[in-house]
Protein backbone atom coordinates (compact mmCIF):
# COMPACT_ATOMS: atom_id res chain seq x y z
CA ALA A 1 4.57 -124.47 -16.93
CA GLN A 2 5.30 -121.04 -18.30
CA GLY A 3 7.67 -120.56 -21.22
CA PRO A 4 10.50 -118.06 -21.48
CA SER A 5 8.29 -115.50 -23.22
CA SER A 6 5.83 -115.27 -20.34
CA GLY A 7 7.74 -112.52 -18.50
CA ALA A 8 7.33 -114.30 -15.16
CA GLY A 9 10.06 -114.90 -12.63
CA GLY A 10 11.94 -111.62 -12.97
CA GLU A 11 13.18 -112.27 -16.48
CA HIS A 12 14.52 -109.38 -18.51
CA ARG A 13 14.54 -108.85 -22.23
CA SER A 14 18.27 -108.18 -22.25
CA PRO A 15 20.24 -108.27 -19.00
CA GLY A 16 23.33 -107.07 -20.89
CA MET A 17 21.53 -103.94 -22.08
CA MET A 18 20.08 -103.38 -18.63
CA TYR A 19 23.43 -103.67 -16.83
CA THR A 20 25.19 -101.53 -19.44
CA GLY A 21 22.49 -98.89 -19.00
CA MET A 22 22.92 -98.99 -15.24
CA ALA A 23 26.69 -98.56 -15.58
CA LEU A 24 26.38 -95.65 -18.03
CA THR A 25 23.77 -93.95 -15.88
CA GLY A 26 25.98 -94.37 -12.80
CA LEU A 27 28.98 -92.93 -14.66
CA GLY A 28 26.79 -90.06 -15.86
CA SER A 29 25.70 -89.33 -12.29
CA ALA A 30 29.31 -89.33 -11.09
CA ALA A 31 30.34 -87.03 -13.97
CA LEU A 32 27.50 -84.66 -13.11
CA VAL A 33 28.54 -84.47 -9.46
CA GLY A 34 32.17 -83.94 -10.49
CA GLY A 35 31.30 -81.25 -13.03
CA VAL A 36 29.06 -79.34 -10.64
CA THR A 37 31.74 -79.57 -7.95
CA VAL A 38 34.42 -78.19 -10.29
CA VAL A 39 32.16 -75.31 -11.36
CA ALA A 40 31.20 -74.48 -7.75
CA VAL A 41 34.82 -74.51 -6.54
CA SER A 42 36.01 -72.50 -9.56
CA LEU A 43 33.32 -69.86 -9.16
CA GLY A 44 34.12 -69.44 -5.49
CA HIS A 45 37.84 -69.03 -6.15
CA ASP A 46 39.41 -65.55 -6.37
CA ASP A 47 42.06 -65.38 -9.10
CA CYS A 48 43.44 -62.01 -8.09
CA GLY A 49 46.77 -61.76 -6.32
CA PRO A 50 47.67 -59.36 -3.49
CA GLU A 51 48.92 -56.73 -5.91
CA GLY A 52 45.79 -56.72 -8.05
CA GLU A 53 47.00 -58.89 -10.93
CA CYS A 54 44.26 -61.32 -11.96
CA THR A 55 44.45 -64.55 -13.93
CA MET A 56 41.81 -66.62 -15.65
CA ASN A 57 42.72 -69.97 -14.03
CA ALA A 58 39.35 -70.55 -12.32
CA ALA A 59 37.41 -69.57 -15.42
CA MET A 60 39.55 -71.81 -17.61
CA THR A 61 39.10 -74.72 -15.20
CA THR A 62 35.34 -74.23 -15.36
CA VAL A 63 35.29 -74.03 -19.15
CA PHE A 64 37.71 -76.87 -19.90
CA LEU A 65 36.84 -79.29 -17.08
CA GLY A 66 33.54 -78.48 -15.36
CA PHE A 67 31.27 -77.88 -18.34
CA PRO A 68 32.55 -80.86 -20.38
CA LEU A 69 31.94 -83.12 -17.38
CA ILE A 70 28.38 -81.84 -17.13
CA GLY A 71 27.85 -82.27 -20.89
CA GLY A 72 29.31 -85.77 -20.78
CA SER A 73 27.02 -86.67 -17.92
CA VAL A 74 24.00 -85.68 -20.01
CA LEU A 75 25.21 -87.86 -22.88
CA LEU A 76 25.95 -90.84 -20.63
CA ALA A 77 22.57 -90.63 -18.93
CA GLY A 78 20.86 -90.04 -22.29
CA VAL A 79 22.22 -93.35 -23.54
CA GLY A 80 22.15 -95.21 -20.22
CA VAL A 81 18.55 -94.63 -19.15
CA PRO A 82 16.94 -95.96 -22.38
CA LEU A 83 19.26 -98.99 -22.35
CA TRP A 84 18.34 -99.67 -18.74
CA VAL A 85 14.59 -99.35 -19.39
CA LEU A 86 14.53 -101.38 -22.60
CA GLY A 87 16.78 -104.09 -21.21
CA ALA A 88 14.68 -104.43 -18.06
CA ARG A 89 11.40 -105.00 -19.89
CA ALA A 90 9.90 -108.46 -19.71
CA PRO A 91 10.54 -110.60 -22.79
CA THR A 92 7.65 -110.84 -25.23
CA ASP A 93 6.82 -112.81 -28.32
CA GLU A 94 8.43 -110.44 -30.83
CA ALA A 95 6.85 -112.07 -33.87
CA ALA A 96 3.36 -111.38 -32.52
CA GLU A 97 4.42 -107.90 -31.42
CA GLN A 98 5.60 -106.89 -34.89
CA GLY A 99 2.49 -108.25 -36.56
CA ALA A 100 2.33 -107.47 -40.26
CA ARG A 101 5.13 -104.88 -40.18
CA SER A 102 8.76 -105.81 -40.36
CA ALA A 103 11.92 -103.91 -41.24
CA ILE A 104 13.64 -107.25 -41.84
CA PRO A 105 13.03 -108.59 -45.32
CA THR A 106 11.50 -111.97 -46.03
CA VAL A 107 13.76 -114.01 -48.30
CA THR A 108 12.09 -116.48 -50.65
CA ILE A 109 14.21 -118.79 -52.76
CA GLY A 110 12.66 -121.12 -55.31
CA ALA A 111 13.69 -123.12 -58.36
CA GLY A 112 15.31 -120.51 -60.61
CA SER A 113 14.09 -117.50 -58.59
CA ALA A 114 14.81 -115.47 -55.48
CA ALA A 115 12.81 -112.66 -53.88
CA LEU A 116 13.05 -110.17 -51.03
CA SER A 117 9.91 -108.63 -49.61
CA TRP A 118 9.16 -106.18 -46.82
CA LYS A 119 5.84 -105.73 -45.04
CA LEU A 120 5.35 -102.08 -44.13
């Protein structure tokens, strides 16, 4: 029989991280499509009236709606993709993986003494 750290059977290191990453990446994709659509529609729109007076409505829409959506999509995907990948990895024996290095201190408590030690 294989234990939970074997990685067999479609197990994931962190399903919560994986599903959160999928959701953020999906939202980032939707924001990208929305932002590109707003920019394309705004750029194709003529803001000049019949008498020659022009406004900046299309440009303002692009600046205040289209570009922030595109920027937000990059941030969402930038967070979502790593979460998805790391959460989908097979679980491993983390103690063996870290070996001699550990950012978590070892706490030793004895009679009349206490110590913290890190292995770098």
